[in-house]
PDB file of N, CA and C in Angstrom:
ATOM      1  N   MET A   1     -70.188  15.687  14.802  1.00  0.00           N
ATOM      2  CA  MET A   1     -70.069  15.951  13.432  1.00  0.00           C
ATOM      3  C   MET A   1     -70.163  17.113  12.672  1.00  0.00           C
ATOM      4  N   LYS A   2     -70.301  18.206  12.936  1.00  0.00           N
ATOM      5  CA  LYS A   2     -69.653  19.018  12.426  1.00  0.00           C
ATOM      6  C   LYS A   2     -68.285  19.147  11.413  1.00  0.00           C
ATOM      7  N   ALA A   3     -67.849  19.117  11.915  1.00  0.00           N
ATOM      8  CA  ALA A   3     -65.706  18.779  11.809  1.00  0.00           C
ATOM      9  C   ALA A   3     -66.312  17.672  10.762  1.00  0.00           C
ATOM     10  N   ALA A   4     -66.622  16.700  11.173  1.00  0.00           N
ATOM     11  CA  ALA A   4     -67.241  15.390  10.221  1.00  0.00           C
ATOM     12  C   ALA A   4     -67.224  15.711   8.799  1.00  0.00           C
ATOM     13  N   LEU A   5     -68.266  16.996   8.946  1.00  0.00           N
ATOM     14  CA  LEU A   5     -69.143  17.167   7.668  1.00  0.00           C
ATOM     15  C   LEU A   5     -68.110  18.239   6.715  1.00  0.00           C
ATOM     16  N   ILE A   6     -67.603  19.223   7.963  1.00  0.00           N
ATOM     17  CA  ILE A   6     -66.749  19.985   7.289  1.00  0.00           C
ATOM     18  C   ILE A   6     -65.618  19.454   6.169  1.00  0.00           C
ATOM     19  N   THR A   7     -64.578  18.615   6.695  1.00  0.00           N
ATOM     20  CA  THR A   7     -63.332  17.713   6.398  1.00  0.00           C
ATOM     21  C   THR A   7     -64.034  16.977   5.203  1.00  0.00           C
ATOM     22  N   LEU A   8     -65.498  17.212   4.998  1.00  0.00           N
ATOM     23  CA  LEU A   8     -65.627  15.914   4.018  1.00  0.00           C
ATOM     24  C   LEU A   8     -66.140  17.030   2.607  1.00  0.00           C
ATOM     25  N   THR A   9     -66.884  17.775   3.167  1.00  0.00           N
ATOM     26  CA  THR A   9     -66.767  18.667   1.978  1.00  0.00           C
ATOM     27  C   THR A   9     -65.036  20.022   1.612  1.00  0.00           C
ATOM     28  N   VAL A  10     -64.407  19.617   1.974  1.00  0.00           N
ATOM     29  CA  VAL A  10     -63.453  20.314   1.961  1.00  0.00           C
ATOM     30  C   VAL A  10     -62.597  19.219   1.104  1.00  0.00           C
ATOM     31  N   PHE A  11     -62.503  17.792   1.347  1.00  0.00           N
ATOM     32  CA  PHE A  11     -61.781  16.843   0.547  1.00  0.00           C
ATOM     33  C   PHE A  11     -62.858  16.372  -0.337  1.00  0.00           C
ATOM     34  N   ILE A  12     -63.772  16.498  -0.744  1.00  0.00           N
ATOM     35  CA  ILE A  12     -65.008  16.358  -1.718  1.00  0.00           C
ATOM     36  C   ILE A  12     -64.053  17.675  -2.383  1.00  0.00           C
ATOM     37  N   PHE A  13     -64.198  19.117  -2.244  1.00  0.00           N
ATOM     38  CA  PHE A  13     -63.330  20.065  -3.100  1.00  0.00           C
ATOM     39  C   PHE A  13     -62.225  20.147  -3.274  1.00  0.00           C
ATOM     40  N   VAL A  14     -60.744  19.384  -3.334  1.00  0.00           N
ATOM     41  CA  VAL A  14     -59.842  19.172  -3.642  1.00  0.00           C
ATOM     42  C   VAL A  14     -60.111  18.437  -4.567  1.00  0.00           C
ATOM     43  N   ALA A  15     -60.229  17.293  -4.029  1.00  0.00           N
ATOM     44  CA  ALA A  15     -60.766  16.158  -5.061  1.00  0.00           C
ATOM     45  C   ALA A  15     -61.055  16.630  -6.243  1.00  0.00           C
ATOM     46  N   PHE A  16     -62.375  17.470  -6.505  1.00  0.00           N
ATOM     47  CA  PHE A  16     -63.001  17.908  -7.369  1.00  0.00           C
ATOM     48  C   PHE A  16     -62.103  19.221  -8.165  1.00  0.00           C
ATOM     49  N   TYR A  17     -61.267  19.991  -7.722  1.00  0.00           N
ATOM     50  CA  TYR A  17     -60.695  20.577  -8.638  1.00  0.00           C
ATOM     51  C   TYR A  17     -59.057  20.267  -8.412  1.00  0.00           C
ATOM     52  N   ASN A  18     -58.764  19.280  -8.080  1.00  0.00           N
ATOM     53  CA  ASN A  18     -57.303  18.529  -8.841  1.00  0.00           C
ATOM     54  C   ASN A  18     -58.121  18.128 -10.196  1.00  0.00           C
ATOM     55  N   GLU A  19     -59.092  17.474 -10.165  1.00  0.00           N
ATOM     56  CA  GLU A  19     -58.838  16.557 -10.799  1.00  0.00           C
ATOM     57  C   GLU A  19     -59.692  17.711 -12.502  1.00  0.00           C
ATOM     58  N   ALA A  20     -60.145  18.291 -12.014  1.00  0.00           N
ATOM     59  CA  ALA A  20     -60.795  20.075 -13.116  1.00  0.00           C
ATOM     60  C   ALA A  20     -59.005  20.519 -13.835  1.00  0.00           C
ATOM     61  N   GLU A  21     -58.728  20.727 -12.825  1.00  0.00           N
ATOM     62  CA  GLU A  21     -57.557  21.271 -13.196  1.00  0.00           C
ATOM     63  C   GLU A  21     -56.591  20.626 -14.343  1.00  0.00           C
ATOM     64  N   SER A  22     -56.288  18.847 -13.913  1.00  0.00           N
ATOM     65  CA  SER A  22     -55.784  18.175 -15.239  1.00  0.00           C
ATOM     66  C   SER A  22     -56.887  17.477 -16.267  1.00  0.00           C
ATOM     67  N   ALA A  23     -58.161  18.392 -16.105  1.00  0.00           N
ATOM     68  CA  ALA A  23     -59.263  17.690 -17.216  1.00  0.00           C
ATOM     69  C   ALA A  23     -59.041  18.390 -18.612  1.00  0.00           C
ATOM     70  N   PRO A  24     -58.899  17.787 -19.685  1.00  0.00           N
ATOM     71  CA  PRO A  24     -59.169  18.549 -21.256  1.00  0.00           C
ATOM     72  C   PRO A  24     -60.506  19.220 -21.098  1.00  0.00           C
ATOM     73  N   GLY A  25     -60.531  20.232 -21.652  1.00  0.00           N
ATOM     74  CA  GLY A  25     -61.515  21.655 -21.966  1.00  0.00           C
ATOM     75  C   GLY A  25     -62.545  21.253 -21.747  1.00  0.00           C
ATOM     76  N   GLY A  26     -63.885  20.335 -22.267  1.00  0.00           N
ATOM     77  CA  GLY A  26     -64.887  19.621 -21.925  1.00  0.00           C
ATOM     78  C   GLY A  26     -65.094  19.314 -20.772  1.00  0.00           C
ATOM     79  N   GLU A  27     -64.076  18.417 -19.616  1.00  0.00           N
ATOM     80  CA  GLU A  27     -63.816  17.428 -18.961  1.00  0.00           C
ATOM     81  C   GLU A  27     -64.660  18.778 -17.646  1.00  0.00           C
ATOM     82  N   THR A  28     -63.132  19.804 -17.372  1.00  0.00           N
ATOM     83  CA  THR A  28     -63.895  20.932 -16.669  1.00  0.00           C
ATOM     84  C   THR A  28     -64.986  21.220 -16.516  1.00  0.00           C
ATOM     85  N   LYS A  29     -65.550  21.081 -16.951  1.00  0.00           N
ATOM     86  CA  LYS A  29     -67.040  22.120 -17.295  1.00  0.00           C
ATOM     87  C   LYS A  29     -68.795  20.782 -16.387  1.00  0.00           C
ATOM     88  N   ARG A  30     -68.058  19.603 -17.035  1.00  0.00           N
ATOM     89  CA  ARG A  30     -68.863  18.676 -16.234  1.00  0.00           C
ATOM     90  C   ARG A  30     -68.745  18.443 -15.245  1.00  0.00           C
ATOM     91  N   ARG A  31     -67.630  18.306 -14.724  1.00  0.00           N
ATOM     92  CA  ARG A  31     -66.571  17.931 -13.305  1.00  0.00           C
ATOM     93  C   ARG A  31     -67.109  19.098 -12.232  1.00  0.00           C
ATOM     94  N   THR A  32     -67.011  20.373 -12.646  1.00  0.00           N
ATOM     95  CA  THR A  32     -67.426  21.521 -11.705  1.00  0.00           C
ATOM     96  C   THR A  32     -69.324  21.223 -11.812  1.00  0.00           C
ATOM     97  N   GLU A  33     -69.598  21.207 -12.781  1.00  0.00           N
ATOM     98  CA  GLU A  33     -70.978  20.646 -12.034  1.00  0.00           C
ATOM     99  C   GLU A  33     -71.410  19.743 -11.694  1.00  0.00           C
ATOM    100  N   ALA A  34     -70.461  18.415 -11.440  1.00  0.00           N
ATOM    101  CA  ALA A  34     -70.851  17.178 -10.908  1.00  0.00           C
ATOM    102  C   ALA A  34     -70.451  17.556  -9.309  1.00  0.00           C
ATOM    103  N   PHE A  35     -69.636  17.983  -9.499  1.00  0.00           N
ATOM    104  CA  PHE A  35     -69.279  18.681  -7.864  1.00  0.00           C
ATOM    105  C   PHE A  35     -70.226  19.566  -7.122  1.00  0.00           C
ATOM    106  N   LYS A  36     -70.839  21.110  -7.638  1.00  0.00           N
ATOM    107  CA  LYS A  36     -71.805  21.546  -7.767  1.00  0.00           C
ATOM    108  C   LYS A  36     -73.235  20.868  -7.078  1.00  0.00           C
ATOM    109  N   ARG A  37     -73.107  19.776  -7.931  1.00  0.00           N
ATOM    110  CA  ARG A  37     -74.501  18.570  -7.078  1.00  0.00           C
ATOM    111  C   ARG A  37     -74.441  17.637  -6.041  1.00  0.00           C
ATOM    112  N   ASN A  38     -73.313  17.571  -5.870  1.00  0.00           N
ATOM    113  CA  ASN A  38     -72.966  17.476  -4.920  1.00  0.00           C
ATOM    114  C   ASN A  38     -72.692  17.855  -3.491  1.00  0.00           C
ATOM    115  N   ILE A  39     -72.500  19.032  -3.423  1.00  0.00           N
ATOM    116  CA  ILE A  39     -72.537  20.040  -2.792  1.00  0.00           C
ATOM    117  C   ILE A  39     -73.787  20.355  -2.271  1.00  0.00           C
ATOM    118  N   ASP A  40     -74.694  20.406  -3.017  1.00  0.00           N
ATOM    119  CA  ASP A  40     -76.007  20.902  -3.019  1.00  0.00           C
ATOM    120  C   ASP A  40     -77.263  19.664  -2.001  1.00  0.00           C
ATOM    121  N   GLU A  41     -76.459  18.585  -1.901  1.00  0.00           N
ATOM    122  CA  GLU A  41     -76.928  17.194  -1.877  1.00  0.00           C
ATOM    123  C   GLU A  41     -77.283  17.204  -0.024  1.00  0.00           C
ATOM    124  N   PHE A  42     -76.154  19.249   0.464  1.00  0.00           N
ATOM    125  CA  PHE A  42     -75.877  18.834   2.051  1.00  0.00           C
ATOM    126  C   PHE A  42     -77.022  19.598   2.484  1.00  0.00           C
ATOM    127  N   SER A  43     -77.977  20.666   1.546  1.00  0.00           N
ATOM    128  CA  SER A  43     -78.729  21.145   2.131  1.00  0.00           C
ATOM    129  C   SER A  43     -79.584  20.608   1.290  1.00  0.00           C
ATOM    130  N   LYS A  44     -80.202  19.215   1.437  1.00  0.00           N
ATOM    131  CA  LYS A  44     -81.534  18.485   1.291  1.00  0.00           C
ATOM    132  C   LYS A  44     -81.350  17.460   2.808  1.00  0.00           C
ATOM    133  N   PRO A  45     -82.371  17.190   3.462  1.00  0.00           N
ATOM    134  CA  PRO A  45     -82.685  16.261   4.503  1.00  0.00           C
ATOM    135  C   PRO A  45     -82.610  14.892   3.996  1.00  0.00           C
ATOM    136  N   THR A  46     -81.633  14.216   5.341  1.00  0.00           N
ATOM    137  CA  THR A  46     -81.227  12.809   5.200  1.00  0.00           C
ATOM    138  C   THR A  46     -82.229  12.243   5.979  1.00  0.00           C
ATOM    139  N   GLN A  47     -82.415  10.976   5.567  1.00  0.00           N
ATOM    140  CA  GLN A  47     -82.554  10.148   7.061  1.00  0.00           C
ATOM    141  C   GLN A  47     -82.199   9.479   7.951  1.00  0.00           C
ATOM    142  N   ILE A  48     -81.871  10.010   9.136  1.00  0.00           N
ATOM    143  CA  ILE A  48     -81.536   9.234  10.255  1.00  0.00           C
ATOM    144  C   ILE A  48     -81.782   7.956  11.083  1.00  0.00           C
ATOM    145  N   GLY A  49     -80.957   6.669  10.602  1.00  0.00           N
ATOM    146  CA  GLY A  49     -81.320   5.400  11.331  1.00  0.00           C
ATOM    147  C   GLY A  49     -82.451   4.600  10.225  1.00  0.00           C
ATOM    148  N   SER A  50     -82.716   3.814  11.413  1.00  0.00           N
ATOM    149  CA  SER A  50     -83.870   3.015  10.385  1.00  0.00           C
ATOM    150  C   SER A  50     -85.271   3.710  11.104  1.00  0.00           C
ATOM    151  N   ASP A  51     -85.408   4.646  11.899  1.00  0.00           N
ATOM    152  CA  ASP A  51     -86.833   5.856  11.758  1.00  0.00           C
ATOM    153  C   ASP A  51     -86.727   6.013  10.394  1.00  0.00           C
ATOM    154  N   VAL A  52     -87.974   7.021  10.204  1.00  0.00           N
ATOM    155  CA  VAL A  52     -87.987   7.991   9.277  1.00  0.00           C
ATOM    156  C   VAL A  52     -87.673   9.012   9.234  1.00  0.00           C
ATOM    157  N   VAL A  53     -87.059   9.256   9.667  1.00  0.00           N
ATOM    158  CA  VAL A  53     -87.046  11.226  10.306  1.00  0.00           C
ATOM    159  C   VAL A  53     -85.763  11.507   9.346  1.00  0.00           C
ATOM    160  N   SER A  54     -86.402  12.861   9.163  1.00  0.00           N
ATOM    161  CA  SER A  54     -85.710  13.602   7.703  1.00  0.00           C
ATOM    162  C   SER A  54     -85.292  14.949   8.885  1.00  0.00           C
ATOM    163  N   CYS A  55     -83.811  14.971   8.341  1.00  0.00           N
ATOM    164  CA  CYS A  55     -83.125  16.166   9.273  1.00  0.00           C
ATOM    165  C   CYS A  55     -82.042  16.778   8.139  1.00  0.00           C
ATOM    166  N   CYS A  56     -82.134  17.561   8.694  1.00  0.00           N
ATOM    167  CA  CYS A  56     -81.135  19.436   7.679  1.00  0.00           C
ATOM    168  C   CYS A  56     -79.917  19.102   8.360  1.00  0.00           C
ATOM    169  N   PHE A  57     -79.143  19.222   7.727  1.00  0.00           N
ATOM    170  CA  PHE A  57     -77.005  19.801   8.435  1.00  0.00           C
ATOM    171  C   PHE A  57     -76.949  20.731   7.640  1.00  0.00           C
ATOM    172  N   ASP A  58     -77.677  22.040   6.673  1.00  0.00           N
ATOM    173  CA  ASP A  58     -77.388  22.963   6.201  1.00  0.00           C
ATOM    174  C   ASP A  58     -78.364  23.806   5.503  1.00  0.00           C
ATOM    175  N   TYR A  59     -78.886  24.561   5.336  1.00  0.00           N
ATOM    176  CA  TYR A  59     -79.734  25.682   4.770  1.00  0.00           C
ATOM    177  C   TYR A  59     -79.190  25.491   3.306  1.00  0.00           C
ATOM    178  N   MET A  60     -80.815  26.054   2.669  1.00  0.00           N
ATOM    179  CA  MET A  60     -80.481  26.299   1.242  1.00  0.00           C
ATOM    180  C   MET A  60     -79.782  28.113   1.380  1.00  0.00           C
ATOM    181  N   LYS A  61     -79.207  28.392   1.261  1.00  0.00           N
ATOM    182  CA  LYS A  61     -79.298  29.906   0.944  1.00  0.00           C
ATOM    183  C   LYS A  61     -79.952  31.035   0.174  1.00  0.00           C
ATOM    184  N   LYS A  62     -79.918  30.080  -1.196  1.00  0.00           N
ATOM    185  CA  LYS A  62     -80.682  31.856  -2.022  1.00  0.00           C
ATOM    186  C   LYS A  62     -81.585  31.206  -2.033  1.00  0.00           C
ATOM    187  N   PRO A  63     -82.708  32.229  -1.796  1.00  0.00           N
ATOM    188  CA  PRO A  63     -84.338  31.772  -2.041  1.00  0.00           C
ATOM    189  C   PRO A  63     -85.162  31.068  -2.995  1.00  0.00           C
ATOM    190  N   ILE A  64     -85.374  30.913  -2.594  1.00  0.00           N
ATOM    191  CA  ILE A  64     -86.451  29.658  -4.124  1.00  0.00           C
ATOM    192  C   ILE A  64     -87.769  30.658  -4.539  1.00  0.00           C
ATOM    193  N   PRO A  65     -88.277  31.162  -5.722  1.00  0.00           N
ATOM    194  CA  PRO A  65     -89.356  31.281  -5.901  1.00  0.00           C
ATOM    195  C   PRO A  65     -90.511  30.941  -5.595  1.00  0.00           C
ATOM    196  N   PHE A  66     -91.918  31.214  -4.813  1.00  0.00           N
ATOM    197  CA  PHE A  66     -93.026  30.351  -4.252  1.00  0.00           C
ATOM    198  C   PHE A  66     -93.704  29.718  -5.165  1.00  0.00           C
ATOM    199  N   LYS A  67     -93.767  30.063  -6.309  1.00  0.00           N
ATOM    200  CA  LYS A  67     -94.197  29.473  -7.262  1.00  0.00           C
ATOM    201  C   LYS A  67     -93.789  27.882  -7.826  1.00  0.00           C
ATOM    202  N   HIS A  68     -92.239  27.670  -7.238  1.00  0.00           N
ATOM    203  CA  HIS A  68     -92.071  26.739  -7.521  1.00  0.00           C
ATOM    204  C   HIS A  68     -92.589  25.726  -6.061  1.00  0.00           C
ATOM    205  N   MET A  69     -92.856  25.759  -5.112  1.00  0.00           N
ATOM    206  CA  MET A  69     -93.116  25.081  -3.775  1.00  0.00           C
ATOM    207  C   MET A  69     -94.813  24.875  -3.738  1.00  0.00           C
ATOM    208  N   THR A  70     -95.264  23.751  -2.783  1.00  0.00           N
ATOM    209  CA  THR A  70     -96.322  22.935  -3.261  1.00  0.00           C
ATOM    210  C   THR A  70     -96.758  22.527  -1.523  1.00  0.00           C
ATOM    211  N   ASP A  71     -95.723  22.526  -0.611  1.00  0.00           N
ATOM    212  CA  ASP A  71     -95.617  22.091   0.592  1.00  0.00           C
ATOM    213  C   ASP A  71     -94.670  22.420   0.927  1.00  0.00           C
ATOM    214  N   TYR A  72     -94.454  21.885   2.684  1.00  0.00           N
ATOM    215  CA  TYR A  72     -93.580  22.166   4.117  1.00  0.00           C
ATOM    216  C   TYR A  72     -93.857  21.291   5.005  1.00  0.00           C
ATOM    217  N   PHE A  73     -92.717  20.543   5.471  1.00  0.00           N
ATOM    218  CA  PHE A  73     -92.656  20.683   6.903  1.00  0.00           C
ATOM    219  C   PHE A  73     -91.740  20.874   7.901  1.00  0.00           C
ATOM    220  N   TYR A  74     -91.909  20.734   8.871  1.00  0.00           N
ATOM    221  CA  TYR A  74     -90.726  21.378   9.923  1.00  0.00           C
ATOM    222  C   TYR A  74     -89.920  19.815  10.352  1.00  0.00           C
ATOM    223  N   THR A  75     -88.425  19.807  10.435  1.00  0.00           N
ATOM    224  CA  THR A  75     -87.330  18.291  10.468  1.00  0.00           C
ATOM    225  C   THR A  75     -88.036  18.463  12.405  1.00  0.00           C
ATOM    226  N   SER A  76     -87.419  17.027  12.525  1.00  0.00           N
ATOM    227  CA  SER A  76     -88.158  16.451  13.919  1.00  0.00           C
ATOM    228  C   SER A  76     -87.348  16.604  15.039  1.00  0.00           C
ATOM    229  N   SER A  77     -87.226  16.919  16.054  1.00  0.00           N
ATOM    230  CA  SER A  77     -86.964  17.398  17.330  1.00  0.00           C
ATOM    231  C   SER A  77     -85.770  16.969  17.764  1.00  0.00           C
ATOM    232  N   ARG A  78     -85.701  15.716  16.987  1.00  0.00           N
ATOM    233  CA  ARG A  78     -84.624  14.667  17.295  1.00  0.00           C
ATOM    234  C   ARG A  78     -83.085  14.940  16.670  1.00  0.00           C
ATOM    235  N   CYS A  79     -83.564  15.914  15.538  1.00  0.00           N
ATOM    236  CA  CYS A  79     -82.170  16.485  14.828  1.00  0.00           C
ATOM    237  C   CYS A  79     -81.690  17.522  15.258  1.00  0.00           C
ATOM    238  N   SER A  80     -80.475  17.595  14.800  1.00  0.00           N
ATOM    239  CA  SER A  80     -79.480  18.600  15.701  1.00  0.00           C
ATOM    240  C   SER A  80     -80.119  19.728  15.477  1.00  0.00           C
ATOM    241  N   LYS A  81     -80.338  20.023  14.245  1.00  0.00           N
ATOM    242  CA  LYS A  81     -80.225  21.566  13.295  1.00  0.00           C
ATOM    243  C   LYS A  81     -82.299  21.456  12.806  1.00  0.00           C
ATOM    244  N   PHE A  82     -83.140  22.303  13.597  1.00  0.00           N
ATOM    245  CA  PHE A  82     -83.611  22.991  13.097  1.00  0.00           C
ATOM    246  C   PHE A  82     -84.105  23.410  11.707  1.00  0.00           C
ATOM    247  N   ALA A  83     -84.861  23.441  11.157  1.00  0.00           N
ATOM    248  CA  ALA A  83     -84.978  23.206   9.645  1.00  0.00           C
ATOM    249  C   ALA A  83     -86.299  23.060   9.375  1.00  0.00           C
ATOM    250  N   VAL A  84     -86.602  24.099   7.746  1.00  0.00           N
ATOM    251  CA  VAL A  84     -88.077  23.402   6.951  1.00  0.00           C
ATOM    252  C   VAL A  84     -87.717  23.093   6.192  1.00  0.00           C
ATOM    253  N   VAL A  85     -88.335  22.098   5.615  1.00  0.00           N
ATOM    254  CA  VAL A  85     -88.113  21.824   5.052  1.00  0.00           C
ATOM    255  C   VAL A  85     -89.019  22.068   4.209  1.00  0.00           C
ATOM    256  N   LEU A  86     -88.746  22.233   2.586  1.00  0.00           N
ATOM    257  CA  LEU A  86     -89.628  22.686   1.514  1.00  0.00           C
ATOM    258  C   LEU A  86     -89.675  21.811   0.360  1.00  0.00           C
ATOM    259  N   VAL A  87     -90.710  21.612   0.127  1.00  0.00           N
ATOM    260  CA  VAL A  87     -91.052  20.700  -1.140  1.00  0.00           C
ATOM    261  C   VAL A  87     -91.780  21.038  -2.483  1.00  0.00           C
ATOM    262  N   THR A  88     -91.185  20.737  -3.675  1.00  0.00           N
ATOM    263  CA  THR A  88     -91.065  21.639  -4.755  1.00  0.00           C
ATOM    264  C   THR A  88     -92.411  21.059  -5.733  1.00  0.00           C
ATOM    265  N   ARG A  89     -92.446  21.453  -6.228  1.00  0.00           N
ATOM    266  CA  ARG A  89     -94.087  20.821  -7.418  1.00  0.00           C
ATOM    267  C   ARG A  89     -92.765  19.155  -8.328  1.00  0.00           C
ATOM    268  N   LYS A  90     -91.890  19.548  -8.001  1.00  0.00           N
ATOM    269  CA  LYS A  90     -91.268  17.996  -8.800  1.00  0.00           C
ATOM    270  C   LYS A  90     -90.570  17.224  -7.412  1.00  0.00           C
ATOM    271  N   ASN A  91     -91.429  17.384  -5.975  1.00  0.00           N
ATOM    272  CA  ASN A  91     -91.062  16.988  -5.113  1.00  0.00           C
ATOM    273  C   ASN A  91     -89.840  16.528  -4.894  1.00  0.00           C
ATOM    274  N   ARG A  92     -89.243  17.454  -5.198  1.00  0.00           N
ATOM    275  CA  ARG A  92     -87.766  17.865  -4.243  1.00  0.00           C
ATOM    276  C   ARG A  92     -88.018  18.174  -2.751  1.00  0.00           C
ATOM    277  N   LYS A  93     -86.983  17.811  -2.417  1.00  0.00           N
ATOM    278  CA  LYS A  93     -86.809  18.316  -0.911  1.00  0.00           C
ATOM    279  C   LYS A  93     -85.840  19.609  -0.593  1.00  0.00           C
ATOM    280  N   ILE A  94     -86.449  20.534   0.163  1.00  0.00           N
ATOM    281  CA  ILE A  94     -84.753  21.583   0.273  1.00  0.00           C
ATOM    282  C   ILE A  94     -85.140  21.791   1.692  1.00  0.00           C
ATOM    283  N   CYS A  95     -83.987  21.788   1.952  1.00  0.00           N
ATOM    284  CA  CYS A  95     -83.517  22.220   3.939  1.00  0.00           C
ATOM    285  C   CYS A  95     -83.898  23.608   3.714  1.00  0.00           C
ATOM    286  N   ALA A  96     -84.629  24.884   4.636  1.00  0.00           N
ATOM    287  CA  ALA A  96     -84.168  26.376   4.485  1.00  0.00           C
ATOM    288  C   ALA A  96     -84.411  26.539   6.178  1.00  0.00           C
ATOM    289  N   ASN A  97     -83.719  27.455   6.470  1.00  0.00           N
ATOM    290  CA  ASN A  97     -83.951  27.970   7.674  1.00  0.00           C
ATOM    291  C   ASN A  97     -85.521  29.131   8.363  1.00  0.00           C
ATOM    292  N   PRO A  98     -85.731  28.137   9.046  1.00  0.00           N
ATOM    293  CA  PRO A  98     -87.207  28.835   9.315  1.00  0.00           C
ATOM    294  C   PRO A  98     -87.080  30.666  10.005  1.00  0.00           C
ATOM    295  N   GLU A  99     -85.413  31.072   9.980  1.00  0.00           N
ATOM    296  CA  GLU A  99     -85.761  32.423  10.474  1.00  0.00           C
ATOM    297  C   GLU A  99     -85.660  33.285   9.109  1.00  0.00           C
ATOM    298  N   ASP A 100     -85.298  32.888   8.460  1.00  0.00           N
ATOM    299  CA  ASP A 100     -84.816  33.742   6.972  1.00  0.00           C
ATOM    300  C   ASP A 100     -86.978  33.860   5.845  1.00  0.00           C
ATOM    301  N   GLU A 101     -86.485  35.229   6.174  1.00  0.00           N
ATOM    302  CA  GLU A 101     -87.701  36.510   5.758  1.00  0.00           C
ATOM    303  C   GLU A 101     -88.369  35.675   4.030  1.00  0.00           C
ATOM    304  N   TRP A 102     -87.661  34.958   3.580  1.00  0.00           N
ATOM    305  CA  TRP A 102     -88.416  34.462   2.650  1.00  0.00           C
ATOM    306  C   TRP A 102     -88.882  33.103   3.000  1.00  0.00           C
ATOM    307  N   VAL A 103     -87.900  32.522   3.587  1.00  0.00           N
ATOM    308  CA  VAL A 103     -89.104  30.704   3.707  1.00  0.00           C
ATOM    309  C   VAL A 103     -90.261  31.232   4.369  1.00  0.00           C
ATOM    310  N   LYS A 104     -90.023  32.273   5.618  1.00  0.00           N
ATOM    311  CA  LYS A 104     -91.656  33.270   6.629  1.00  0.00           C
ATOM    312  C   LYS A 104     -92.795  33.479   5.487  1.00  0.00           C
ATOM    313  N   ASN A 105     -92.088  34.317   4.484  1.00  0.00           N
ATOM    314  CA  ASN A 105     -93.512  33.613   3.615  1.00  0.00           C
ATOM    315  C   ASN A 105     -93.642  33.197   2.373  1.00  0.00           C
ATOM    316  N   ILE A 106     -93.037  32.074   2.359  1.00  0.00           N
ATOM    317  CA  ILE A 106     -92.990  30.823   1.715  1.00  0.00           C
ATOM    318  C   ILE A 106     -93.996  30.367   2.523  1.00  0.00           C
ATOM    319  N   ILE A 107     -93.899  30.014   3.788  1.00  0.00           N
ATOM    320  CA  ILE A 107     -94.524  29.337   4.604  1.00  0.00           C
ATOM    321  C   ILE A 107     -96.004  29.924   4.977  1.00  0.00           C
ATOM    322  N   ASN A 108     -95.958  31.416   5.083  1.00  0.00           N
ATOM    323  CA  ASN A 108     -97.469  31.759   4.961  1.00  0.00           C
ATOM    324  C   ASN A 108     -98.065  31.882   4.149  1.00  0.00           C
ATOM    325  N   ALA A 109     -97.254  31.565   2.947  1.00  0.00           N
ATOM    326  CA  ALA A 109     -98.382  31.506   1.711  1.00  0.00           C
ATOM    327  C   ALA A 109     -99.286  30.828   0.789  1.00  0.00           C
ATOM    328  N   LEU A 110     -98.191  29.372   1.289  1.00  0.00           N
ATOM    329  CA  LEU A 110     -98.161  28.485   1.428  1.00  0.00           C
ATOM    330  C   LEU A 110     -99.703  28.002   2.819  1.00  0.00           C
ATOM    331  N   GLU A 111    -100.072  28.585   3.282  1.00  0.00           N
ATOM    332  CA  GLU A 111    -101.459  28.086   4.933  1.00  0.00           C
ATOM    333  C   GLU A 111    -101.997  29.378   4.217  1.00  0.00           C
ATOM    334  N   MET A 112    -101.892  30.228   3.367  1.00  0.00           N
ATOM    335  CA  MET A 112    -102.989  31.155   2.940  1.00  0.00           C
ATOM    336  C   MET A 112    -104.063  29.997   2.177  1.00  0.00           C
ATOM    337  N   PRO A 113    -106.055  30.632   1.957  1.00  0.00           N
ATOM    338  CA  PRO A 113    -106.282  29.465   1.009  1.00  0.00           C
ATOM    339  C   PRO A 113    -106.179  29.783  -0.057  1.00  0.00           C
ATOM    340  N   GLU A 114    -106.212  28.851  -1.058  1.00  0.00           N
ATOM    341  CA  GLU A 114    -106.122  28.847  -2.764  1.00  0.00           C
ATOM    342  C   GLU A 114    -106.593  30.062  -3.286  1.00  0.00           C
ATOM    343  N   ALA A 115    -107.882  30.607  -2.511  1.00  0.00           N
ATOM    344  CA  ALA A 115    -108.819  32.186  -2.974  1.00  0.00           C
ATOM    345  C   ALA A 115    -107.978  33.331  -3.475  1.00  0.00           C
ATOM    346  N   THR A 116    -107.153  33.389  -1.771  1.00  0.00           N
ATOM    347  CA  THR A 116    -106.712  34.533  -1.539  1.00  0.00           C
ATOM    348  C   THR A 116    -104.998  34.567  -1.913  1.00  0.00           C
ATOM    349  N   GLN A 117    -105.052  33.828  -2.356  1.00  0.00           N
ATOM    350  CA  GLN A 117    -103.407  33.605  -2.383  1.00  0.00           C
ATOM    351  C   GLN A 117    -102.843  34.781  -4.192  1.00  0.00           C
ATOM    352  N   LYS A 118    -101.880  35.022  -3.817  1.00  0.00           N
ATOM    353  CA  LYS A 118    -101.317  36.288  -5.495  1.00  0.00           C
ATOM    354  C   LYS A 118    -100.967  35.148  -6.332  1.00  0.00           C
ATOM    355  N   PRO A 119    -101.653  35.704  -7.876  1.00  0.00           N
ATOM    356  CA  PRO A 119    -101.158  34.446  -8.632  1.00  0.00           C
ATOM    357  C   PRO A 119     -99.599  35.096  -9.179  1.00  0.00           C
TER     358      PRO A 119
END
């Protein structure tokens, strides 16, 4: 499974890189941004099969400020990778490593009663 994901990522990168090299001036930036959006999809939860089970295949590596978060949940035990799914104000779901310090801080802050949260 991991090998297929890595192969797909490399294939997408090569395809976008080759197109960006041959594209006229403004096209390069647009295609690079599209490539980044596609790569970001790998760190979002994905539904597996007909069951509603969110699984993550990669973690968000860059810390995200707590102010953007409204909720979180853990991925199912049926998933191959254990993760925390952080939910943003815009209802975007982001996969994160539960061992990362910034993720632990967000979980702790979300668990605190509102009266004791820092502004």
